[in-house]
Amino acid sequence: MRKEAILSQFGTKVKLFRNERDISQEKLAELSKLDRTYISSIERGQRNIGILNIIKIADALQVKASSLLEEIGDFDA
């Protein structure tokens, strides 16, 4: 799977969990101590974020970080 597809799938997962909890991007940004524009770019698949930010987002969404990564395809270099 291509990098772009993986980033898009991850962003979709973040957005899905956020919407399930009825949390705005602004609220997620506040809870995770990240910028709202950063959250937006993640959800649009435009950011390749680090593990610490994945954990911040997972904590803010009250899910395990592994839940954000489940069912995301394998990377083809």
C-alpha atoms as a PDB file:
ATOM      1  CA  MET A   1       0.000   0.000   0.000  1.00  0.00           C
ATOM      2  CA  ARG A   2       1.233   3.469  -0.810  1.00  0.00           C
ATOM      3  CA  LYS A   3       2.162   6.051   1.796  1.00  0.00           C
ATOM      4  CA  GLU A   4      -0.693   8.345   0.746  1.00  0.00           C
ATOM      5  CA  ALA A   5      -3.278   5.598   1.208  1.00  0.00           C
ATOM      6  CA  ILE A   6      -1.956   4.722   4.661  1.00  0.00           C
ATOM      7  CA  LEU A   7      -2.024   8.360   5.787  1.00  0.00           C
ATOM      8  CA  SER A   8      -5.538   8.719   4.405  1.00  0.00           C
ATOM      9  CA  GLN A   9      -6.726   5.592   6.236  1.00  0.00           C
ATOM     10  CA  PHE A  10      -5.186   6.794   9.490  1.00  0.00           C
ATOM     11  CA  GLY A  11      -6.816  10.204   9.108  1.00  0.00           C
ATOM     12  CA  THR A  12     -10.160   8.577   8.423  1.00  0.00           C
ATOM     13  CA  LYS A  13      -9.812   6.528  11.625  1.00  0.00           C
ATOM     14  CA  VAL A  14      -9.071   9.640  13.681  1.00  0.00           C
ATOM     15  CA  LYS A  15     -12.078  11.420  12.186  1.00  0.00           C
ATOM     16  CA  LEU A  16     -14.317   8.384  12.757  1.00  0.00           C
ATOM     17  CA  PHE A  17     -13.404   8.125  16.442  1.00  0.00           C
ATOM     18  CA  ARG A  18     -13.741  11.901  16.836  1.00  0.00           C
ATOM     19  CA  ASN A  19     -17.196  11.953  15.242  1.00  0.00           C
ATOM     20  CA  GLU A  20     -18.349   8.935  17.283  1.00  0.00           C
ATOM     21  CA  ARG A  21     -17.545  10.948  20.399  1.00  0.00           C
ATOM     22  CA  ASP A  22     -19.145  14.118  19.013  1.00  0.00           C
ATOM     23  CA  ILE A  23     -15.899  16.056  19.479  1.00  0.00           C
ATOM     24  CA  SER A  24     -14.972  18.961  17.214  1.00  0.00           C
ATOM     25  CA  GLN A  25     -11.511  19.317  15.729  1.00  0.00           C
ATOM     26  CA  GLU A  26     -10.994  22.283  18.046  1.00  0.00           C
ATOM     27  CA  LYS A  27     -11.908  20.224  21.117  1.00  0.00           C
ATOM     28  CA  LEU A  28      -9.681  17.332  20.016  1.00  0.00           C
ATOM     29  CA  ALA A  29      -6.841  19.792  19.481  1.00  0.00           C
ATOM     30  CA  GLU A  30      -7.369  21.215  22.965  1.00  0.00           C
ATOM     31  CA  LEU A  31      -7.539  17.775  24.595  1.00  0.00           C
ATOM     32  CA  SER A  32      -4.452  16.511  22.768  1.00  0.00           C
ATOM     33  CA  LYS A  33      -2.537  19.794  23.116  1.00  0.00           C
ATOM     34  CA  LEU A  34      -2.078  19.985  19.344  1.00  0.00           C
ATOM     35  CA  ASP A  35      -3.123  22.678  16.888  1.00  0.00           C
ATOM     36  CA  ARG A  36      -6.525  22.419  15.176  1.00  0.00           C
ATOM     37  CA  THR A  37      -4.937  22.852  11.742  1.00  0.00           C
ATOM     38  CA  TYR A  38      -2.622  19.943  12.566  1.00  0.00           C
ATOM     39  CA  ILE A  39      -5.636  17.756  13.439  1.00  0.00           C
ATOM     40  CA  SER A  40      -7.306  18.813  10.197  1.00  0.00           C
ATOM     41  CA  SER A  41      -4.264  17.921   8.114  1.00  0.00           C
ATOM     42  CA  ILE A  42      -4.050  14.512   9.841  1.00  0.00           C
ATOM     43  CA  GLU A  43      -7.694  13.788   9.064  1.00  0.00           C
ATOM     44  CA  ARG A  44      -7.116  14.753   5.420  1.00  0.00           C
ATOM     45  CA  GLY A  45      -4.169  12.354   5.195  1.00  0.00           C
ATOM     46  CA  GLN A  46      -1.644  15.135   4.703  1.00  0.00           C
ATOM     47  CA  ARG A  47       0.519  14.488   7.778  1.00  0.00           C
ATOM     48  CA  ASN A  48       2.842  11.639   8.648  1.00  0.00           C
ATOM     49  CA  ILE A  49       2.745  12.042  12.419  1.00  0.00           C
ATOM     50  CA  GLY A  50       5.042  10.632  15.073  1.00  0.00           C
ATOM     51  CA  ILE A  51       4.217   8.060  17.714  1.00  0.00           C
ATOM     52  CA  LEU A  52       4.009  10.623  20.535  1.00  0.00           C
ATOM     53  CA  ASN A  53       1.321  12.568  18.691  1.00  0.00           C
ATOM     54  CA  ILE A  54      -0.552   9.344  17.908  1.00  0.00           C
ATOM     55  CA  ILE A  55      -0.582   8.637  21.647  1.00  0.00           C
ATOM     56  CA  LYS A  56      -1.739  12.195  22.454  1.00  0.00           C
ATOM     57  CA  ILE A  57      -4.633  11.852  20.013  1.00  0.00           C
ATOM     58  CA  ALA A  58      -5.533   8.372  21.267  1.00  0.00           C
ATOM     59  CA  ASP A  59      -5.531   9.594  24.873  1.00  0.00           C
ATOM     60  CA  ALA A  60      -7.726  12.554  23.931  1.00  0.00           C
ATOM     61  CA  LEU A  61     -10.151  10.188  22.169  1.00  0.00           C
ATOM     62  CA  GLN A  62      -9.964   7.737  25.101  1.00  0.00           C
ATOM     63  CA  VAL A  63      -8.894   4.821  22.897  1.00  0.00           C
ATOM     64  CA  LYS A  64      -5.753   2.720  22.711  1.00  0.00           C
ATOM     65  CA  ALA A  65      -3.222   3.974  20.185  1.00  0.00           C
ATOM     66  CA  SER A  66      -3.374   0.540  18.556  1.00  0.00           C
ATOM     67  CA  SER A  67      -7.061   1.154  17.783  1.00  0.00           C
ATOM     68  CA  LEU A  68      -6.061   4.006  15.502  1.00  0.00           C
ATOM     69  CA  LEU A  69      -3.702   1.702  13.605  1.00  0.00           C
ATOM     70  CA  GLU A  70      -5.908  -1.394  13.307  1.00  0.00           C
ATOM     71  CA  GLU A  71      -6.871  -2.494   9.809  1.00  0.00           C
ATOM     72  CA  ILE A  72      -4.500  -0.088   8.102  1.00  0.00           C
ATOM     73  CA  GLY A  73      -2.768  -1.747   5.158  1.00  0.00           C
ATOM     74  CA  ASP A  74       0.857  -2.733   4.826  1.00  0.00           C
ATOM     75  CA  PHE A  75       3.337  -0.234   3.429  1.00  0.00           C
ATOM     76  CA  ASP A  76       4.911  -0.922   0.049  1.00  0.00           C
ATOM     77  CA  ALA A  77       8.174   0.999  -0.265  1.00  0.00           C
END
